[in-house]
Amino acid sequence: MSIHADHYIRIDRTRSLQFEPSTGHNRWHPDIAPILRVNEDEIVALETRDAFDGQIAQDTSNNELSRVSLARVHPMTGPVYINGAEPGDLLEVNVLHVEPQGFGFTVQGPKYGFLRDIFTNDYLIRWKIVDGHAVSPDLPGVRVPGAPFMGVMGVAPSHDLMRAISEREADLAARGAFVALPGAEDAIPQDPTIARVALKSLPPREFGGNIDVKQLTAGTTLRLPVFVPGALFSTGDAHFAQGDNECCTAIETGATLHCSFKIIKSDTKRRDILDPEFYRDSVISSADSITPVSVESVRFFATTGSCRRKDGVNHAEDLNLAARNALLNMIEYLTDERGFTPEQAYALCSVAVDLRVSEAVNLPNFLVSAFLPLDIFAQ
């Protein structure tokens, strides 16, 4: 598929991010300088590395996985400064096309994964991606159809938000949860004033990040709250295919994202939005189809919920809290944008909204998405 790009960011995927730090970063911090400035509606192409920054190759063995540095996860391309975006705005990221590379992998190990207490050995599946499907001698008899999307899409947190997140995640770690706390090892950028306090990229947060929502394929629009001037959008961690839940990893690969941006002025501030939203307002094309009968084949609006209480306290791997937050965010959308009473919105959620576990691997935060089919509304 050929798409004209007004701006194109190229990288050398034979080299890790540490050798091309001018193209991206692997931490979240508001002082990371943008590598590009764009206007609304301009099409941007961003080449990205795989989630493990090239540490896993076609000849990598299970025995070598223990040497993989998780501190290098996730190399992101960006940030991109969107002219006119200001704190309190809502940024729309229109996903136009995701072009995956020809090699992918799925990895599991004792350091991560929903069932890490049971599957305690390092294990690797290496995939060949060709003609819209993935096949592997490590998993014979299986042919997985592709539905490529970017696992990481996010904007920069403000200094205040970064500090609040660091404090709540430190408190969570003190309570015994697995949390990837800030650390300068393998950090990009290497500037110590940034590296020692910047947020690692493992969990999804208010500003997006590692959300791993499989429905964010071409034709879908992601909405992110804006916390800093220019929003500072970055992306990475492409997935060729993934199930709702992502219990260990998806089919990880490098990719090129084509996208454009729109700004909804003051909407984050007005609605007090603290979680990503996304929607599709047209029927998905057959080229992007995942399954014949699924939420991906209809028009929808979706809210998300994570393991953070409204008072800011973080819980670890709390599916109940994530589902509750996704529903509360949907009820807020239905009352604010659609004019329903809270009681009407709650009833509509019960009869029409689907809850899906988007990911259960990005510790400490699960992410649940609530899908509202738009075709139920009278035209």
Foldseek 3Di string as FASTA:
>chain_A
DDDDAPEEQDDDLVAFCVVVLLFWWQFFAPPDDWNEEDEFPGKYKYWAFWQQRPPDDPPDFQVCVVVRDPQSGGTKGGQYFYPPDAALKKKKKAFAAKFFDQKWKFWFACLWFPVSVPRHGIDMFIWGDDPQWTDTPVDPPDIAGFQKDFQFKFFHAYPVVLVLVLVQQVVQVVVPFDDDHQDQVNTPPNPVVDRRRTHGQQDAWQGGGRNQFSLRGHQKMKMHGAHHRRRGIITYNMAGDDDQAQRGHGGITIIMTIIGMDIGPSNCVVLVRRFMKMWHQDADDPVNDRDPDDPSRATKIKTKFKQADPVGRGDFLDPVRRQVRRLVVQLSCCCPVVVDDSVVSNVLLVPAKDKTFSYRIRPRMTMIMIIGGPVVDDD
